[in-house]
Amino acid sequence: MNKGYGVTVKVTQPGDPEPTTAPLVVVARDERDAEIVAEKAAGPNARAETLRELTEDEVLEYGLDRDAHGTAKALPILSLNR
């Protein structure tokens, strides 16, 4: 069964001194799968870290469909401190 996860992705572009960091919510089977989904969504030179599994309320709030494995949504700000 798929679950929702909060993930941080860092993308390092050639020539940039600092990576760009982006928060995502993704639908995946487990934490490692969530990182793979996020890295594929962010493209080459991306490294992802799963922060935590989302609660049911958060899954609904972000409009995630747990049947849609591989769905990723970028967030304007990361708010996973619940």
PDB file of N, CA and C in Angstrom:
ATOM      1  N   MET A   1       0.838  -1.186   0.000  1.00  0.00           N
ATOM      2  CA  MET A   1       0.000   0.000   0.000  1.00  0.00           C
ATOM      3  C   MET A   1       0.879   1.244   0.000  1.00  0.00           C
ATOM      4  N   ASN A   2       0.507   2.195  -0.801  1.00  0.00           N
ATOM      5  CA  ASN A   2       1.245   3.449  -0.868  1.00  0.00           C
ATOM      6  C   ASN A   2       0.893   4.357   0.303  1.00  0.00           C
ATOM      7  N   LYS A   3       1.831   5.218   0.633  1.00  0.00           N
ATOM      8  CA  LYS A   3       1.654   6.193   1.702  1.00  0.00           C
ATOM      9  C   LYS A   3       2.150   7.541   1.207  1.00  0.00           C
ATOM     10  N   GLY A   4       1.849   8.589   1.943  1.00  0.00           N
ATOM     11  CA  GLY A   4       2.369   9.912   1.635  1.00  0.00           C
ATOM     12  C   GLY A   4       3.593  10.197   2.481  1.00  0.00           C
ATOM     13  N   TYR A   5       4.587  10.859   1.875  1.00  0.00           N
ATOM     14  CA  TYR A   5       5.824  11.187   2.585  1.00  0.00           C
ATOM     15  C   TYR A   5       6.229  12.625   2.309  1.00  0.00           C
ATOM     16  N   GLY A   6       6.805  13.253   3.311  1.00  0.00           N
ATOM     17  CA  GLY A   6       7.430  14.555   3.147  1.00  0.00           C
ATOM     18  C   GLY A   6       8.903  14.335   2.864  1.00  0.00           C
ATOM     19  N   VAL A   7       9.398  14.962   1.792  1.00  0.00           N
ATOM     20  CA  VAL A   7      10.764  14.736   1.324  1.00  0.00           C
ATOM     21  C   VAL A   7      11.420  16.078   1.025  1.00  0.00           C
ATOM     22  N   THR A   8      12.698  16.176   1.311  1.00  0.00           N
ATOM     23  CA  THR A   8      13.500  17.328   0.904  1.00  0.00           C
ATOM     24  C   THR A   8      14.435  16.879  -0.208  1.00  0.00           C
ATOM     25  N   VAL A   9      14.467  17.675  -1.285  1.00  0.00           N
ATOM     26  CA  VAL A   9      15.336  17.357  -2.420  1.00  0.00           C
ATOM     27  C   VAL A   9      16.352  18.477  -2.579  1.00  0.00           C
ATOM     28  N   LYS A  10      17.603  18.092  -2.776  1.00  0.00           N
ATOM     29  CA  LYS A  10      18.670  19.054  -3.066  1.00  0.00           C
ATOM     30  C   LYS A  10      19.199  18.753  -4.454  1.00  0.00           C
ATOM     31  N   VAL A  11      19.217  19.791  -5.289  1.00  0.00           N
ATOM     32  CA  VAL A  11      19.706  19.649  -6.655  1.00  0.00           C
ATOM     33  C   VAL A  11      20.933  20.542  -6.811  1.00  0.00           C
ATOM     34  N   THR A  12      22.043  19.936  -7.217  1.00  0.00           N
ATOM     35  CA  THR A  12      23.275  20.670  -7.434  1.00  0.00           C
ATOM     36  C   THR A  12      23.484  20.851  -8.936  1.00  0.00           C
ATOM     37  N   GLN A  13      23.499  22.089  -9.363  1.00  0.00           N
ATOM     38  CA  GLN A  13      23.749  22.400 -10.770  1.00  0.00           C
ATOM     39  C   GLN A  13      25.240  22.686 -10.952  1.00  0.00           C
ATOM     40  N   PRO A  14      25.813  22.249 -12.068  1.00  0.00           N
ATOM     41  CA  PRO A  14      27.225  22.543 -12.322  1.00  0.00           C
ATOM     42  C   PRO A  14      27.487  24.049 -12.260  1.00  0.00           C
ATOM     43  N   GLY A  15      28.484  24.421 -11.511  1.00  0.00           N
ATOM     44  CA  GLY A  15      28.851  25.826 -11.389  1.00  0.00           C
ATOM     45  C   GLY A  15      28.176  26.558 -10.249  1.00  0.00           C
ATOM     46  N   ASP A  16      27.130  25.998  -9.672  1.00  0.00           N
ATOM     47  CA  ASP A  16      26.461  26.632  -8.537  1.00  0.00           C
ATOM     48  C   ASP A  16      27.174  26.235  -7.252  1.00  0.00           C
ATOM     49  N   PRO A  17      27.498  27.212  -6.404  1.00  0.00           N
ATOM     50  CA  PRO A  17      28.204  26.893  -5.168  1.00  0.00           C
ATOM     51  C   PRO A  17      27.320  26.158  -4.152  1.00  0.00           C
ATOM     52  N   GLU A  18      26.031  26.424  -4.150  1.00  0.00           N
ATOM     53  CA  GLU A  18      25.109  25.810  -3.197  1.00  0.00           C
ATOM     54  C   GLU A  18      23.988  25.080  -3.941  1.00  0.00           C
ATOM     55  N   PRO A  19      23.554  23.933  -3.422  1.00  0.00           N
ATOM     56  CA  PRO A  19      22.435  23.243  -4.053  1.00  0.00           C
ATOM     57  C   PRO A  19      21.122  23.988  -3.810  1.00  0.00           C
ATOM     58  N   THR A  20      20.182  23.796  -4.712  1.00  0.00           N
ATOM     59  CA  THR A  20      18.830  24.310  -4.532  1.00  0.00           C
ATOM     60  C   THR A  20      18.051  23.260  -3.752  1.00  0.00           C
ATOM     61  N   THR A  21      17.355  23.693  -2.718  1.00  0.00           N
ATOM     62  CA  THR A  21      16.591  22.776  -1.883  1.00  0.00           C
ATOM     63  C   THR A  21      15.108  23.011  -2.102  1.00  0.00           C
ATOM     64  N   ALA A  22      14.354  21.917  -2.240  1.00  0.00           N
ATOM     65  CA  ALA A  22      12.917  22.018  -2.448  1.00  0.00           C
ATOM     66  C   ALA A  22      12.192  20.970  -1.616  1.00  0.00           C
ATOM     67  N   PRO A  23      11.092  21.372  -0.977  1.00  0.00           N
ATOM     68  CA  PRO A  23      10.267  20.408  -0.258  1.00  0.00           C
ATOM     69  C   PRO A  23       9.232  19.794  -1.199  1.00  0.00           C
ATOM     70  N   LEU A  24       9.019  18.495  -1.061  1.00  0.00           N
ATOM     71  CA  LEU A  24       8.022  17.782  -1.859  1.00  0.00           C
ATOM     72  C   LEU A  24       7.193  16.893  -0.951  1.00  0.00           C
ATOM     73  N   VAL A  25       5.984  16.591  -1.416  1.00  0.00           N
ATOM     74  CA  VAL A  25       5.214  15.493  -0.848  1.00  0.00           C
ATOM     75  C   VAL A  25       5.058  14.482  -1.968  1.00  0.00           C
ATOM     76  N   VAL A  26       5.237  13.209  -1.642  1.00  0.00           N
ATOM     77  CA  VAL A  26       5.201  12.173  -2.670  1.00  0.00           C
ATOM     78  C   VAL A  26       4.372  10.980  -2.202  1.00  0.00           C
ATOM     79  N   VAL A  27       3.913  10.210  -3.178  1.00  0.00           N
ATOM     80  CA  VAL A  27       3.201   8.962  -2.911  1.00  0.00           C
ATOM     81  C   VAL A  27       4.154   7.823  -3.257  1.00  0.00           C
ATOM     82  N   ALA A  28       4.437   6.980  -2.264  1.00  0.00           N
ATOM     83  CA  ALA A  28       5.414   5.904  -2.457  1.00  0.00           C
ATOM     84  C   ALA A  28       5.111   4.746  -1.516  1.00  0.00           C
ATOM     85  N   ARG A  29       5.807   3.641  -1.735  1.00  0.00           N
ATOM     86  CA  ARG A  29       5.615   2.438  -0.916  1.00  0.00           C
ATOM     87  C   ARG A  29       6.276   2.541   0.459  1.00  0.00           C
ATOM     88  N   ASP A  30       7.474   3.142   0.500  1.00  0.00           N
ATOM     89  CA  ASP A  30       8.212   3.260   1.758  1.00  0.00           C
ATOM     90  C   ASP A  30       9.145   4.462   1.655  1.00  0.00           C
ATOM     91  N   GLU A  31       9.940   4.687   2.685  1.00  0.00           N
ATOM     92  CA  GLU A  31      10.807   5.869   2.727  1.00  0.00           C
ATOM     93  C   GLU A  31      11.820   5.898   1.588  1.00  0.00           C
ATOM     94  N   ARG A  32      12.455   4.778   1.317  1.00  0.00           N
ATOM     95  CA  ARG A  32      13.459   4.752   0.238  1.00  0.00           C
ATOM     96  C   ARG A  32      12.803   4.966  -1.113  1.00  0.00           C
ATOM     97  N   ASP A  33      11.641   4.374  -1.325  1.00  0.00           N
ATOM     98  CA  ASP A  33      10.896   4.576  -2.560  1.00  0.00           C
ATOM     99  C   ASP A  33      10.510   6.050  -2.718  1.00  0.00           C
ATOM    100  N   ALA A  34      10.163   6.708  -1.610  1.00  0.00           N
ATOM    101  CA  ALA A  34       9.827   8.138  -1.648  1.00  0.00           C
ATOM    102  C   ALA A  34      11.026   8.961  -2.124  1.00  0.00           C
ATOM    103  N   GLU A  35      12.214   8.595  -1.674  1.00  0.00           N
ATOM    104  CA  GLU A  35      13.424   9.305  -2.101  1.00  0.00           C
ATOM    105  C   GLU A  35      13.675   9.091  -3.594  1.00  0.00           C
ATOM    106  N   ILE A  36      13.468   7.874  -4.068  1.00  0.00           N
ATOM    107  CA  ILE A  36      13.661   7.586  -5.495  1.00  0.00           C
ATOM    108  C   ILE A  36      12.666   8.386  -6.338  1.00  0.00           C
ATOM    109  N   VAL A  37      11.402   8.408  -5.912  1.00  0.00           N
ATOM    110  CA  VAL A  37      10.376   9.178  -6.632  1.00  0.00           C
ATOM    111  C   VAL A  37      10.772  10.649  -6.691  1.00  0.00           C
ATOM    112  N   ALA A  38      11.198  11.208  -5.559  1.00  0.00           N
ATOM    113  CA  ALA A  38      11.568  12.626  -5.497  1.00  0.00           C
ATOM    114  C   ALA A  38      12.779  12.926  -6.370  1.00  0.00           C
ATOM    115  N   GLU A  39      13.781  12.053  -6.351  1.00  0.00           N
ATOM    116  CA  GLU A  39      14.976  12.265  -7.169  1.00  0.00           C
ATOM    117  C   GLU A  39      14.645  12.225  -8.661  1.00  0.00           C
ATOM    118  N   LYS A  40      13.776  11.310  -9.059  1.00  0.00           N
ATOM    119  CA  LYS A  40      13.365  11.253 -10.466  1.00  0.00           C
ATOM    120  C   LYS A  40      12.590  12.502 -10.848  1.00  0.00           C
ATOM    121  N   ALA A  41      11.739  12.987  -9.955  1.00  0.00           N
ATOM    122  CA  ALA A  41      10.954  14.195 -10.237  1.00  0.00           C
ATOM    123  C   ALA A  41      11.841  15.429 -10.365  1.00  0.00           C
ATOM    124  N   ALA A  42      12.919  15.476  -9.581  1.00  0.00           N
ATOM    125  CA  ALA A  42      13.804  16.646  -9.574  1.00  0.00           C
ATOM    126  C   ALA A  42      14.842  16.626 -10.681  1.00  0.00           C
ATOM    127  N   GLY A  43      15.086  15.476 -11.268  1.00  0.00           N
ATOM    128  CA  GLY A  43      16.025  15.392 -12.379  1.00  0.00           C
ATOM    129  C   GLY A  43      17.434  15.031 -11.949  1.00  0.00           C
ATOM    130  N   PRO A  44      18.360  15.143 -12.906  1.00  0.00           N
ATOM    131  CA  PRO A  44      19.744  14.750 -12.619  1.00  0.00           C
ATOM    132  C   PRO A  44      20.364  15.612 -11.515  1.00  0.00           C
ATOM    133  N   ASN A  45      21.329  15.053 -10.862  1.00  0.00           N
ATOM    134  CA  ASN A  45      22.064  15.731  -9.780  1.00  0.00           C
ATOM    135  C   ASN A  45      21.204  15.991  -8.555  1.00  0.00           C
ATOM    136  N   ALA A  46      20.130  15.216  -8.371  1.00  0.00           N
ATOM    137  CA  ALA A  46      19.243  15.394  -7.224  1.00  0.00           C
ATOM    138  C   ALA A  46      19.529  14.334  -6.166  1.00  0.00           C
ATOM    139  N   ARG A  47      19.460  14.755  -4.926  1.00  0.00           N
ATOM    140  CA  ARG A  47      19.589  13.849  -3.773  1.00  0.00           C
ATOM    141  C   ARG A  47      18.400  14.153  -2.864  1.00  0.00           C
ATOM    142  N   ALA A  48      17.718  13.118  -2.419  1.00  0.00           N
ATOM    143  CA  ALA A  48      16.526  13.302  -1.599  1.00  0.00           C
ATOM    144  C   ALA A  48      16.699  12.671  -0.229  1.00  0.00           C
ATOM    145  N   GLU A  49      15.970  13.227   0.723  1.00  0.00           N
ATOM    146  CA  GLU A  49      15.940  12.689   2.078  1.00  0.00           C
ATOM    147  C   GLU A  49      14.496  12.715   2.557  1.00  0.00           C
ATOM    148  N   THR A  50      14.012  11.566   2.994  1.00  0.00           N
ATOM    149  CA  THR A  50      12.653  11.489   3.528  1.00  0.00           C
ATOM    150  C   THR A  50      12.658  12.037   4.943  1.00  0.00           C
ATOM    151  N   LEU A  51      11.751  12.975   5.202  1.00  0.00           N
ATOM    152  CA  LEU A  51      11.651  13.547   6.539  1.00  0.00           C
ATOM    153  C   LEU A  51      10.742  12.708   7.423  1.00  0.00           C
ATOM    154  N   ARG A  52       9.560  12.345   6.882  1.00  0.00           N
ATOM    155  CA  ARG A  52       8.648  11.507   7.649  1.00  0.00           C
ATOM    156  C   ARG A  52       7.441  11.122   6.820  1.00  0.00           C
ATOM    157  N   GLU A  53       6.705  10.141   7.315  1.00  0.00           N
ATOM    158  CA  GLU A  53       5.442   9.752   6.699  1.00  0.00           C
ATOM    159  C   GLU A  53       4.388  10.792   7.070  1.00  0.00           C
ATOM    160  N   LEU A  54       3.534  11.122   6.124  1.00  0.00           N
ATOM    161  CA  LEU A  54       2.475  12.090   6.374  1.00  0.00           C
ATOM    162  C   LEU A  54       1.307  11.440   7.111  1.00  0.00           C
ATOM    163  N   THR A  55       0.610  12.245   7.875  1.00  0.00           N
ATOM    164  CA  THR A  55      -0.611  11.762   8.533  1.00  0.00           C
ATOM    165  C   THR A  55      -1.727  11.686   7.499  1.00  0.00           C
ATOM    166  N   GLU A  56      -2.808  11.006   7.846  1.00  0.00           N
ATOM    167  CA  GLU A  56      -3.959  10.922   6.946  1.00  0.00           C
ATOM    168  C   GLU A  56      -4.511  12.308   6.636  1.00  0.00           C
ATOM    169  N   ASP A  57      -4.570  13.181   7.635  1.00  0.00           N
ATOM    170  CA  ASP A  57      -5.050  14.551   7.421  1.00  0.00           C
ATOM    171  C   ASP A  57      -4.162  15.300   6.428  1.00  0.00           C
ATOM    172  N   GLU A  58      -2.850  15.107   6.519  1.00  0.00           N
ATOM    173  CA  GLU A  58      -1.930  15.773   5.592  1.00  0.00           C
ATOM    174  C   GLU A  58      -2.089  15.234   4.173  1.00  0.00           C
ATOM    175  N   VAL A  59      -2.288  13.927   4.044  1.00  0.00           N
ATOM    176  CA  VAL A  59      -2.506  13.341   2.725  1.00  0.00           C
ATOM    177  C   VAL A  59      -3.715  14.005   2.074  1.00  0.00           C
ATOM    178  N   LEU A  60      -4.789  14.174   2.833  1.00  0.00           N
ATOM    179  CA  LEU A  60      -5.992  14.835   2.320  1.00  0.00           C
ATOM    180  C   LEU A  60      -5.741  16.314   2.032  1.00  0.00           C
ATOM    181  N   GLU A  61      -5.050  16.979   2.942  1.00  0.00           N
ATOM    182  CA  GLU A  61      -4.757  18.407   2.787  1.00  0.00           C
ATOM    183  C   GLU A  61      -3.957  18.700   1.509  1.00  0.00           C
ATOM    184  N   TYR A  62      -2.990  17.849   1.205  1.00  0.00           N
ATOM    185  CA  TYR A  62      -2.161  18.036   0.018  1.00  0.00           C
ATOM    186  C   TYR A  62      -2.802  17.463  -1.240  1.00  0.00           C
ATOM    187  N   GLY A  63      -3.971  16.828  -1.096  1.00  0.00           N
ATOM    188  CA  GLY A  63      -4.677  16.285  -2.244  1.00  0.00           C
ATOM    189  C   GLY A  63      -3.970  15.109  -2.900  1.00  0.00           C
ATOM    190  N   LEU A  64      -3.304  14.300  -2.100  1.00  0.00           N
ATOM    191  CA  LEU A  64      -2.585  13.151  -2.645  1.00  0.00           C
ATOM    192  C   LEU A  64      -3.523  11.961  -2.830  1.00  0.00           C
ATOM    193  N   ASP A  65      -3.344  11.243  -3.912  1.00  0.00           N
ATOM    194  CA  ASP A  65      -4.079  10.017  -4.187  1.00  0.00           C
ATOM    195  C   ASP A  65      -3.120   8.862  -3.949  1.00  0.00           C
ATOM    196  N   ARG A  66      -3.344   8.117  -2.880  1.00  0.00           N
ATOM    197  CA  ARG A  66      -2.410   7.043  -2.541  1.00  0.00           C
ATOM    198  C   ARG A  66      -2.405   5.904  -3.554  1.00  0.00           C
ATOM    199  N   ASP A  67      -3.372   5.894  -4.474  1.00  0.00           N
ATOM    200  CA  ASP A  67      -3.369   4.889  -5.539  1.00  0.00           C
ATOM    201  C   ASP A  67      -2.472   5.310  -6.705  1.00  0.00           C
ATOM    202  N   ALA A  68      -2.010   6.558  -6.681  1.00  0.00           N
ATOM    203  CA  ALA A  68      -1.191   7.092  -7.776  1.00  0.00           C
ATOM    204  C   ALA A  68       0.283   7.081  -7.386  1.00  0.00           C
ATOM    205  N   HIS A  69       0.875   5.884  -7.348  1.00  0.00           N
ATOM    206  CA  HIS A  69       2.282   5.760  -6.986  1.00  0.00           C
ATOM    207  C   HIS A  69       3.143   6.657  -7.868  1.00  0.00           C
ATOM    208  N   GLY A  70       4.087   7.336  -7.256  1.00  0.00           N
ATOM    209  CA  GLY A  70       5.014   8.177  -8.002  1.00  0.00           C
ATOM    210  C   GLY A  70       4.577   9.618  -8.134  1.00  0.00           C
ATOM    211  N   THR A  71       3.407   9.957  -7.605  1.00  0.00           N
ATOM    212  CA  THR A  71       2.959  11.348  -7.635  1.00  0.00           C
ATOM    213  C   THR A  71       3.866  12.177  -6.735  1.00  0.00           C
ATOM    214  N   ALA A  72       4.261  13.345  -7.227  1.00  0.00           N
ATOM    215  CA  ALA A  72       5.084  14.261  -6.433  1.00  0.00           C
ATOM    216  C   ALA A  72       4.552  15.671  -6.611  1.00  0.00           C
ATOM    217  N   LYS A  73       4.439  16.385  -5.513  1.00  0.00           N
ATOM    218  CA  LYS A  73       3.995  17.775  -5.542  1.00  0.00           C
ATOM    219  C   LYS A  73       5.004  18.633  -4.799  1.00  0.00           C
ATOM    220  N   ALA A  74       5.426  19.689  -5.443  1.00  0.00           N
ATOM    221  CA  ALA A  74       6.332  20.637  -4.798  1.00  0.00           C
ATOM    222  C   ALA A  74       5.529  21.529  -3.853  1.00  0.00           C
ATOM    223  N   LEU A  75       6.138  21.874  -2.736  1.00  0.00           N
ATOM    224  CA  LEU A  75       5.510  22.763  -1.783  1.00  0.00           C
ATOM    225  C   LEU A  75       6.218  24.106  -1.779  1.00  0.00           C
ATOM    226  N   PRO A  76       5.465  25.184  -1.603  1.00  0.00           N
ATOM    227  CA  PRO A  76       6.126  26.498  -1.552  1.00  0.00           C
ATOM    228  C   PRO A  76       7.007  26.633  -0.321  1.00  0.00           C
ATOM    229  N   ILE A  77       6.575  26.059   0.807  1.00  0.00           N
ATOM    230  CA  ILE A  77       7.378  26.033   2.026  1.00  0.00           C
ATOM    231  C   ILE A  77       7.161  24.687   2.691  1.00  0.00           C
ATOM    232  N   LEU A  78       8.119  24.276   3.467  1.00  0.00           N
ATOM    233  CA  LEU A  78       8.025  22.991   4.145  1.00  0.00           C
ATOM    234  C   LEU A  78       7.431  23.194   5.520  1.00  0.00           C
ATOM    235  N   SER A  79       6.322  22.522   5.784  1.00  0.00           N
ATOM    236  CA  SER A  79       5.684  22.612   7.085  1.00  0.00           C
ATOM    237  C   SER A  79       5.317  21.210   7.531  1.00  0.00           C
ATOM    238  N   LEU A  80       6.301  20.465   7.999  1.00  0.00           N
ATOM    239  CA  LEU A  80       6.070  19.100   8.441  1.00  0.00           C
ATOM    240  C   LEU A  80       6.416  18.931   9.910  1.00  0.00           C
ATOM    241  N   ASN A  81       6.156  19.944  10.684  1.00  0.00           N
ATOM    242  CA  ASN A  81       6.542  19.934  12.092  1.00  0.00           C
ATOM    243  C   ASN A  81       5.407  19.515  13.022  1.00  0.00           C
ATOM    244  N   ARG A  82       4.424  18.831  12.518  1.00  0.00           N
ATOM    245  CA  ARG A  82       3.269  18.455  13.343  1.00  0.00           C
ATOM    246  C   ARG A  82       3.584  17.304  14.240  1.00  0.00           C
TER     247      ARG A  82
END
